[in-house]
Protein backbone atom coordinates (compact mmCIF):
# COMPACT_ATOMS: atom_id res chain seq x y z
CA MET A 1 97.48 79.01 119.32
CA PHE A 2 95.95 82.16 120.75
CA ASP A 3 93.19 82.39 123.36
CA LYS A 4 89.64 81.16 122.61
CA ASN A 5 88.19 84.66 122.27
CA THR A 6 90.59 85.45 119.42
CA TYR A 7 89.00 82.80 117.21
CA ILE A 8 85.44 83.63 118.31
CA ARG A 9 86.03 87.29 117.48
CA ARG A 10 87.61 86.50 114.12
CA ARG A 11 84.74 84.26 113.04
CA GLU A 12 82.19 86.88 114.09
CA GLU A 13 83.95 89.51 112.00
CA LEU A 14 84.16 87.11 109.05
CA LYS A 15 80.40 86.54 109.23
CA LYS A 16 79.76 90.27 109.05
CA LEU A 17 82.11 90.76 106.11
CA VAL A 18 80.75 87.86 104.02
CA GLY A 19 77.16 88.64 104.96
CA LYS A 20 75.24 85.47 104.13
CA GLY A 21 75.64 81.83 103.18
CA ILE A 22 77.79 79.02 104.52
CA ILE A 23 81.58 79.26 104.80
CA VAL A 24 83.55 76.02 104.50
CA LEU A 25 87.22 76.16 105.52
CA PHE A 26 89.16 72.99 104.80
CA GLY A 27 91.97 71.96 107.08
CA ASN A 28 94.90 70.09 105.56
CA ASN A 29 95.59 66.38 105.70
CA GLU A 30 98.93 64.65 105.99
CA ALA A 31 100.72 64.47 102.63
CA PRO A 32 102.57 61.23 101.75
CA TYR A 33 106.28 61.65 101.05
CA ASN A 34 106.83 58.45 99.06
CA TYR A 35 104.28 55.99 100.45
CA PRO A 36 101.12 56.46 102.55
CA ALA A 37 102.60 55.86 106.02
CA ASN A 38 105.66 58.06 105.39
CA ALA A 39 104.29 61.60 105.41
CA TYR A 40 105.95 64.98 105.18
CA ALA A 41 106.53 66.10 108.75
CA PRO A 42 105.50 68.11 110.53
CA MET A 43 102.05 68.39 108.95
CA ARG A 44 101.36 72.00 107.93
CA GLN A 45 97.83 73.18 108.59
CA ASP A 46 96.03 75.46 106.14
CA SER A 47 96.59 79.07 107.18
CA ALA A 48 92.99 80.24 106.75
CA PHE A 49 91.74 77.30 108.81
CA LEU A 50 94.34 78.14 111.47
CA TYR A 51 93.37 81.80 111.48
CA TYR A 52 89.70 81.08 112.22
CA PHE A 53 89.75 77.69 113.94
CA GLY A 54 93.22 77.54 115.50
CA GLN A 55 93.74 73.77 115.49
CA HIS A 56 96.69 71.96 113.94
CA ARG A 57 95.30 68.44 113.75
CA ASP A 58 94.85 66.93 110.32
CA GLY A 59 91.48 65.82 108.93
CA LEU A 60 89.32 68.74 110.07
CA VAL A 61 86.86 71.02 108.29
CA GLY A 62 85.40 74.17 109.83
CA VAL A 63 81.95 75.36 108.79
CA ILE A 64 80.39 78.75 109.58
CA ASP A 65 76.66 78.98 108.85
CA ILE A 66 76.10 82.73 108.70
CA ASP A 67 72.36 82.57 108.06
CA ASN A 68 71.60 80.38 111.10
CA ASP A 69 74.50 81.63 113.25
CA ASN A 70 75.94 78.13 113.70
CA GLU A 71 79.53 76.93 113.69
CA TRP A 72 80.72 73.37 113.21
CA LEU A 73 83.95 71.43 113.42
CA PHE A 74 83.82 68.26 111.34
CA GLY A 75 86.37 65.50 111.91
CA ASP A 76 86.86 61.96 113.17
CA ASP A 77 88.14 61.06 116.61
CA ILE A 78 91.27 58.91 116.61
CA ASP A 79 91.12 55.24 117.60
CA VAL A 80 93.34 53.03 119.73
CA GLU A 81 95.56 52.08 116.80
CA ASP A 82 96.26 55.77 116.17
CA ILE A 83 97.08 56.24 119.84
CA VAL A 84 99.56 53.34 119.73
CA TRP A 85 101.53 55.01 116.96
CA MET A 86 100.95 58.73 117.54
CA GLY A 87 99.98 59.12 121.19
CA PHE A 88 96.90 60.69 122.68
CA THR A 89 95.05 63.34 120.69
CA PRO A 90 92.09 65.34 122.07
CA SER A 91 88.63 64.53 120.73
CA VAL A 92 87.11 66.71 118.04
CA SER A 93 84.65 68.08 120.60
CA ASP A 94 87.55 69.03 122.89
CA LEU A 95 89.31 70.74 120.01
CA ALA A 96 86.12 72.61 119.15
CA GLU A 97 85.62 73.74 122.73
CA GLU A 98 89.15 75.15 122.83
CA VAL A 99 88.26 77.63 120.07
CA GLY A 100 84.65 78.32 121.05
CA VAL A 101 82.83 76.11 118.51
CA SER A 102 79.70 74.45 119.89
CA LYS A 103 78.80 71.85 117.24
CA THR A 104 80.83 68.87 116.03
CA ALA A 105 80.19 65.88 113.78
CA PRO A 106 82.14 63.05 112.13
CA MET A 107 83.59 63.81 108.70
CA SER A 108 81.12 61.37 107.12
CA HIS A 109 78.30 63.75 108.08
CA LEU A 110 79.76 66.68 106.13
CA THR A 111 78.43 65.41 102.80
CA SER A 112 74.84 65.14 104.00
CA TYR A 113 75.13 68.50 105.77
CA ILE A 114 76.26 70.24 102.58
CA LYS A 115 73.76 68.39 100.34
CA HIS A 116 70.82 69.71 102.38
CA GLN A 117 71.88 73.36 102.18
CA THR A 118 70.15 75.86 99.94
CA SER A 119 72.37 78.80 100.88
CA LYS A 120 75.45 79.76 98.89
CA ILE A 121 78.55 77.73 99.83
CA HIS A 122 81.67 79.88 100.19
CA PHE A 123 85.08 78.23 99.87
CA LEU A 124 88.62 79.45 99.18
CA PRO A 125 90.73 78.41 96.17
CA PRO A 126 92.17 74.97 97.00
CA TYR A 127 95.84 74.18 96.42
CA ARG A 128 96.10 70.53 97.52
CA TYR A 129 94.77 67.76 95.33
CA ASP A 130 93.06 65.82 98.13
CA ILE A 131 91.05 68.92 99.02
CA LYS A 132 90.15 69.40 95.36
CA ILE A 133 88.77 65.85 95.31
CA GLN A 134 86.85 66.56 98.52
CA ILE A 135 85.29 69.65 96.96
CA LEU A 136 84.41 67.61 93.88
CA ASP A 137 82.63 65.06 96.08
CA LEU A 138 80.84 67.70 98.14
CA LEU A 139 79.87 70.25 95.50
CA GLY A 140 80.30 68.48 92.17
CA ILE A 141 82.75 71.11 90.92
CA HIS A 142 85.56 69.71 88.79
CA PRO A 143 89.06 70.58 90.08
CA SER A 144 89.80 72.55 86.90
CA LYS A 145 86.86 74.84 87.70
CA GLN A 146 87.34 75.26 91.45
CA LYS A 147 89.62 78.29 91.37
CA GLU A 148 87.08 80.33 89.42
CA ALA A 149 84.21 78.93 91.53
CA ALA A 150 85.83 80.01 94.80
CA SER A 151 83.97 82.75 96.67
CA LEU A 152 85.25 86.23 95.89
CA ASP A 153 83.32 87.56 98.89
CA LEU A 154 85.17 85.16 101.17
CA ILE A 155 88.54 85.85 99.52
CA LYS A 156 88.15 89.61 100.01
CA ALA A 157 86.99 89.18 103.61
CA VAL A 158 89.93 86.96 104.52
CA VAL A 159 92.41 89.29 102.80
CA LYS A 160 90.93 92.29 104.64
CA MET A 161 91.25 90.61 108.01
CA ARG A 162 94.63 88.93 107.63
CA SER A 163 96.37 91.89 105.96
CA THR A 164 96.35 93.93 109.17
CA LYS A 165 98.27 92.06 111.83
CA GLU A 166 97.02 91.98 115.40
CA PRO A 167 99.48 92.84 118.23
CA GLN A 168 99.82 89.16 119.16
CA GLU A 169 100.63 88.31 115.53
CA ILE A 170 103.32 90.99 115.42
CA ILE A 171 104.89 89.51 118.54
CA ALA A 172 104.93 86.11 116.84
CA ILE A 173 106.57 87.50 113.69
CA ASP A 174 109.14 89.36 115.79
CA ARG A 175 110.05 86.06 117.43
CA ALA A 176 110.30 84.31 114.07
CA CYS A 177 112.62 87.06 112.87
CA ASP A 178 114.80 86.52 115.95
CA VAL A 179 115.27 82.92 114.80
CA GLY A 180 115.96 84.32 111.33
CA TYR A 181 118.82 86.28 112.87
CA ALA A 182 120.30 83.06 114.25
CA MET A 183 119.90 81.33 110.87
CA HIS A 184 121.65 84.02 108.84
CA THR A 185 124.42 84.81 111.29
CA THR A 186 125.17 81.08 111.40
CA ALA A 187 125.66 81.17 107.63
CA GLN A 188 127.85 84.26 107.89
CA LYS A 189 130.07 82.55 110.45
CA LEU A 190 130.50 79.41 108.35
CA ILE A 191 131.17 80.92 104.93
CA LYS A 192 134.72 80.36 103.67
CA PRO A 193 136.35 78.83 100.60
CA GLY A 194 136.00 75.07 100.38
CA VAL A 195 132.82 74.68 102.44
CA THR A 196 129.96 73.38 100.30
CA GLU A 197 126.73 75.22 99.65
CA ARG A 198 124.83 72.16 100.84
CA PHE A 199 126.62 72.10 104.19
CA ILE A 200 125.80 75.72 104.99
CA GLY A 201 122.25 75.38 103.73
CA GLY A 202 121.82 72.35 105.97
CA GLN A 203 123.15 74.20 108.99
CA VAL A 204 120.72 77.06 108.32
CA ASP A 205 117.84 74.58 108.08
CA GLY A 206 118.98 72.94 111.30
CA ILE A 207 118.70 76.22 113.20
CA ALA A 208 115.12 76.61 111.97
CA ARG A 209 114.27 73.08 113.06
CA SER A 210 116.02 73.48 116.41
CA LEU A 211 114.64 76.87 117.43
CA ALA A 212 111.34 76.96 115.51
CA GLY A 213 108.94 74.72 113.62
CA GLY A 214 111.19 74.51 110.57
CA THR A 215 111.78 76.65 107.52
CA SER A 216 109.05 78.85 106.05
CA PHE A 217 110.19 77.93 102.51
CA ALA A 218 112.99 75.93 100.91
CA THR A 219 116.27 77.61 101.85
CA ILE A 220 118.12 79.35 99.03
CA PHE A 221 121.90 79.28 99.41
CA SER A 222 124.01 79.63 96.29
CA GLN A 223 127.02 81.28 94.71
CA HIS A 224 124.73 81.75 91.71
CA GLY A 225 122.77 84.58 93.27
CA GLU A 226 121.46 85.47 89.82
CA ILE A 227 119.19 82.41 90.07
CA MET A 228 116.16 83.60 92.03
CA HIS A 229 115.52 80.23 93.71
CA GLY A 230 118.98 78.69 93.74
CA ASN A 231 118.90 75.70 96.08
CA PRO A 232 122.15 74.55 97.72
CA SER A 233 124.34 72.31 95.57
CA ASP A 234 127.39 70.22 96.37
CA ALA A 235 129.64 72.93 94.93
CA PRO A 236 132.39 74.18 97.28
CA LEU A 237 132.49 77.92 97.93
CA GLU A 238 135.13 79.67 95.84
CA ALA A 239 137.29 82.65 96.80
CA GLY A 240 136.28 85.81 94.99
CA ARG A 241 132.60 84.86 94.63
CA LEU A 242 129.46 85.99 96.43
CA ALA A 243 127.11 83.67 98.31
CA LEU A 244 123.44 84.56 98.60
CA CYS A 245 121.35 83.18 101.48
CA ASP A 246 117.56 83.62 101.40
CA ALA A 247 115.99 81.80 104.34
CA GLY A 248 113.32 82.05 106.99
CA CYS A 249 111.63 80.06 109.70
CA GLU A 250 108.10 79.36 110.82
CA LEU A 251 107.47 79.78 114.53
CA GLU A 252 104.03 79.27 116.08
CA ASP A 253 102.38 79.60 112.65
CA TYR A 254 104.16 82.85 111.65
CA CYS A 255 107.06 83.38 109.28
CA SER A 256 110.31 85.22 108.81
CA ASP A 257 112.04 85.86 105.49
CA HIS A 258 115.48 87.47 105.15
CA THR A 259 118.20 87.56 102.51
CA ARG A 260 121.87 88.40 102.84
CA THR A 261 124.65 88.33 100.27
CA MET A 262 128.20 87.75 101.53
CA PRO A 263 131.69 87.65 100.01
CA VAL A 264 133.09 84.12 100.33
CA THR A 265 136.46 85.45 101.52
CA GLY A 266 134.86 87.86 103.98
CA LYS A 267 135.93 90.93 101.98
CA PHE A 268 134.15 92.56 99.04
CA SER A 269 136.08 93.34 95.90
CA GLN A 270 135.73 96.87 94.54
CA ARG A 271 133.40 95.71 91.76
CA GLN A 272 131.25 93.75 94.21
CA LEU A 273 131.11 96.70 96.58
CA GLU A 274 129.96 99.03 93.80
CA ILE A 275 126.95 96.86 93.03
CA TYR A 276 126.29 95.95 96.66
CA SER A 277 126.16 99.62 97.70
CA ILE A 278 123.39 100.26 95.16
CA VAL A 279 121.27 97.44 96.57
CA GLU A 280 122.02 98.64 100.11
CA ALA A 281 120.88 102.19 99.25
CA CYS A 282 117.67 100.91 97.63
CA HIS A 283 116.95 98.71 100.66
CA ASP A 284 117.46 101.57 103.11
CA TYR A 285 115.40 104.00 101.02
CA VAL A 286 112.34 101.86 101.72
CA LEU A 287 112.83 102.31 105.46
CA ASP A 288 112.74 106.08 104.99
CA VAL A 289 109.56 106.30 102.91
CA ALA A 290 107.31 103.33 103.70
CA LYS A 291 104.36 104.47 105.83
CA PRO A 292 100.55 104.37 105.88
CA GLY A 293 98.98 105.88 102.76
CA VAL A 294 102.02 105.32 100.53
CA ARG A 295 101.49 102.97 97.60
CA TYR A 296 104.10 100.20 97.65
CA MET A 297 104.04 100.25 93.86
CA ASP A 298 105.30 103.84 93.99
CA VAL A 299 108.07 102.80 96.36
CA HIS A 300 108.99 99.95 94.00
CA PHE A 301 109.35 102.25 91.00
CA ALA A 302 111.21 104.89 93.03
CA VAL A 303 113.71 102.15 93.89
CA CYS A 304 113.89 101.19 90.21
CA ARG A 305 114.71 104.78 89.26
CA MET A 306 117.35 105.01 92.00
CA MET A 307 118.90 101.77 90.81
CA THR A 308 118.88 102.89 87.17
CA GLU A 309 120.57 106.18 88.02
CA ARG A 310 123.32 104.42 89.94
CA LEU A 311 123.83 101.80 87.23
CA LYS A 312 124.22 104.62 84.72
CA GLU A 313 127.06 105.97 86.84
CA LEU A 314 128.79 102.58 86.51
CA GLY A 315 128.30 102.55 82.73
CA LEU A 316 125.86 99.64 82.74
CA MET A 317 122.83 101.71 81.72
CA LYS A 318 122.31 104.88 79.72
CA GLY A 319 119.63 107.28 78.55
CA ASP A 320 116.76 108.95 80.36
CA VAL A 321 116.07 107.31 83.71
CA ASP A 322 112.28 107.72 83.64
CA GLU A 323 112.06 106.43 80.08
CA ALA A 324 114.29 103.47 80.91
CA VAL A 325 112.08 102.45 83.83
CA ARG A 326 108.92 103.01 81.80
CA ALA A 327 110.32 100.68 79.12
CA GLY A 328 111.21 98.08 81.74
CA ALA A 329 114.95 98.20 81.06
CA HIS A 330 115.70 98.02 84.80
CA ALA A 331 114.14 94.55 84.87
CA MET A 332 117.34 93.26 83.27
CA PHE A 333 118.76 93.68 86.79
CA LEU A 334 115.62 93.49 88.97
CA PRO A 335 113.11 91.04 87.44
CA HIS A 336 110.94 90.80 90.57
CA GLY A 337 108.98 93.14 92.80
CA LEU A 338 110.28 95.05 95.78
CA GLY A 339 108.46 92.83 98.25
CA HIS A 340 105.36 90.93 99.27
CA MET A 341 102.98 90.57 102.20
CA MET A 342 104.17 88.25 104.95
CA GLY A 343 102.50 86.62 107.94
CA MET A 344 101.19 83.09 108.39
CA ASP A 345 102.42 82.37 104.87
CA VAL A 346 105.82 83.60 103.74
CA HIS A 347 104.02 85.05 100.69
CA ASP A 348 101.00 85.82 102.78
CA MET A 349 97.70 84.64 101.28
CA GLU A 350 99.22 84.28 97.81
CA GLY A 351 97.06 81.19 97.29
CA LEU A 352 93.96 83.39 97.45
CA GLY A 353 95.06 85.30 94.36
CA GLN A 354 97.83 87.87 94.36
CA ILE A 355 95.63 90.40 92.58
CA TYR A 356 93.43 90.54 95.70
CA VAL A 357 96.24 90.41 98.26
CA GLY A 358 98.73 92.90 96.84
CA PHE A 359 96.68 95.26 94.71
CA ASP A 360 93.55 97.35 94.43
CA GLU A 361 91.80 99.04 91.51
CA GLU A 362 94.44 101.79 91.38
CA THR A 363 97.49 99.54 91.46
CA ARG A 364 96.84 96.61 89.14
CA PRO A 365 100.23 95.41 87.79
CA ASN A 366 101.17 95.41 84.13
CA LEU A 367 101.10 91.68 83.49
CA GLU A 368 102.48 92.14 79.98
CA GLN A 369 105.83 93.69 80.94
CA PHE A 370 108.75 91.55 82.07
CA GLY A 371 109.59 92.33 85.69
CA THR A 372 106.43 94.27 86.41
CA ASN A 373 104.45 91.08 85.90
CA CYS A 374 106.22 89.73 89.01
CA LEU A 375 105.26 92.68 91.21
CA ARG A 376 103.50 91.09 94.19
CA MET A 377 102.66 94.13 96.30
CA GLY A 378 101.49 97.51 95.05
CA ARG A 379 98.55 98.66 97.18
CA LYS A 380 98.51 101.47 99.73
CA LEU A 381 100.28 100.55 102.93
CA GLU A 382 98.29 100.52 106.16
CA GLU A 383 99.29 100.40 109.79
CA GLY A 384 99.74 96.77 110.79
CA PHE A 385 100.81 95.51 107.35
CA VAL A 386 103.94 93.36 107.26
CA VAL A 387 105.87 93.50 103.98
CA THR A 388 109.27 92.43 102.79
CA ASP A 389 111.86 94.93 101.55
CA GLU A 390 114.04 93.01 99.10
CA PRO A 391 115.70 94.88 96.24
CA GLY A 392 118.33 93.07 94.24
CA ILE A 393 120.65 93.34 91.27
CA TYR A 394 121.29 90.23 89.19
CA PHE A 395 123.44 89.54 86.14
CA ILE A 396 121.71 86.67 84.34
CA PRO A 397 123.80 85.50 81.36
CA ALA A 398 120.90 83.96 79.44
CA LEU A 399 118.81 87.13 79.85
CA ILE A 400 121.72 89.34 78.75
CA ASP A 401 122.20 87.18 75.65
CA GLU A 402 118.51 87.17 74.76
CA TRP A 403 117.98 90.92 75.15
CA LYS A 404 121.21 91.66 73.29
CA ALA A 405 120.21 89.41 70.38
CA LYS A 406 116.77 91.02 70.20
CA LYS A 407 118.21 94.52 70.79
CA HIS A 408 115.61 94.85 73.52
CA CYS A 409 115.96 98.17 75.39
CA GLU A 410 119.31 98.71 73.65
CA GLU A 411 118.87 102.48 74.01
CA PHE A 412 119.09 102.03 77.80
CA LEU A 413 121.45 99.08 78.28
CA CYS A 414 125.22 98.99 77.71
CA PHE A 415 125.55 95.43 76.44
CA ASP A 416 129.32 95.55 75.93
CA LYS A 417 129.82 96.39 79.60
CA LEU A 418 127.22 93.85 80.64
CA GLU A 419 129.26 91.12 78.94
CA THR A 420 132.00 91.66 81.52
CA TYR A 421 129.55 91.02 84.39
CA LYS A 422 128.29 87.60 83.28
CA ASP A 423 130.39 85.95 85.99
CA PHE A 424 129.19 88.30 88.73
CA GLY A 425 126.17 86.46 90.14
CA GLY A 426 123.57 88.42 92.04
CA ILE A 427 122.95 90.45 95.20
CA ARG A 428 119.78 90.73 97.26
CA ILE A 429 119.19 92.25 100.71
CA GLU A 430 115.88 91.47 102.36
CA ASP A 431 114.23 92.30 105.66
CA ASP A 432 110.73 92.10 107.10
CA VAL A 433 109.10 95.44 107.81
CA LEU A 434 106.10 96.38 109.95
CA ILE A 435 104.13 99.46 108.87
CA THR A 436 103.59 101.57 111.97
CA LYS A 437 101.41 104.62 112.67
CA ASP A 438 103.98 107.09 111.34
CA GLY A 439 106.42 104.99 109.33
CA CYS A 440 107.86 101.51 109.58
CA ARG A 441 110.31 99.39 111.53
CA PHE A 442 112.33 96.24 111.12
CA LEU A 443 110.84 93.14 112.68
CA GLY A 444 113.02 91.17 115.08
CA GLU A 445 115.12 92.33 117.99
CA LYS A 446 118.48 92.20 116.20
CA ARG A 447 119.59 93.27 112.73
CA ILE A 448 121.36 90.66 110.69
CA PRO A 449 124.56 92.43 109.56
CA TYR A 450 124.30 93.84 106.04
CA HIS A 451 126.12 97.18 105.86
CA PRO A 452 129.44 96.31 104.15
CA ALA A 453 131.87 97.32 106.91
CA GLU A 454 129.65 95.80 109.57
CA LEU A 455 129.26 92.57 107.62
CA GLU A 456 132.98 92.22 106.90
CA THR A 457 133.81 92.84 110.56
CA PHE A 458 131.25 90.30 111.72
CA MET A 459 132.57 87.66 109.35
CA GLU A 460 136.18 88.36 110.33
CA THR A 461 135.58 88.23 114.07
CA ASN A 462 133.35 85.16 113.99
CA LYS A 463 135.48 82.76 111.92
């Protein structure tokens, strides 16, 4: 939680951007795990509510009346029974005072407050079912219609404000990335034949829970790196294979998100090194060119062309590079975008609508083309943006079979050679990048080893 003036200033700016009406920001409630008293823990507050009202307690709703220049915090004070089980919690009025809100009321008063308003009610697209029911009760909008009924003015205002990170937010992300370093280097130290994926994934999660508030998303740790979201299994690590670890933490409401791909034996084979070096070059290219004014979509496609050229040299692709990328042939190997916004959410503000977060009128993605339809960030970079840099190359047997059977992009893909890579897996290298005045920089004090010689040395000396 930042100082009181941070939240006062943010709400004032939000009022100016939205202009008129009443803004309702719903905080989250505890979510039952398998019965009402056994909830997922710790409770994760809604990021927009946190950004403007700063409080982590469940059962709160923040209201900003732009027209009458009033701000409210609605919620119920806890009772003695709650205190017995959960300990003391400040009153709603105390919570409001901490963030500079002058008016409070019990949650039961929210309905009558909203019912008597004639001004437009602004709310963000809900993503939890209990909040959808609350909106139905308050506004009479069916859950199936709430996404389209959400306020575009509010969405655009929130995206504008949260896209550019304040200095105190950058400090928080730097610290989260420092925990990310500990998570990934722990994995690199533990990897060896015979250790299970689940064991290493659990150790990575344990670091996040020990040094931060937990993971920022479900940890990916798998020898099947070609599966984008491969959760840890009970499979033991096998000599000769690659293990991909995509993990991050959440510390003081801000996230980290890194990926590393390691040889199980600690040494890359020649074939693995050939593919890895392409991903490494694409990753490092971003660091050279990302800066204010550059469209991230252009960086993405420059990386795709670089990757295509290098895969041609290995005999996996053929034909004109520009034509191959235009046709989407590269998506056989890279079916996702180069990166995404990051901040309070690991995919920052994605719930507000990716088209508003990652794009503008000049950079709308081609939703019809495989690969390009998963591009999450294309707009012009600005100082203070935090984006991920995560190129990858994946050999997905089912995708190879389907494209080969359909002869899709056969003028650019060498299917006979691809058949010999079906057992390869996948490689991704990911870091979090801050756009600075003149360029960009890694976030976090230390770099998680990823250059091949550096990585092999680290794994050898830390067994």
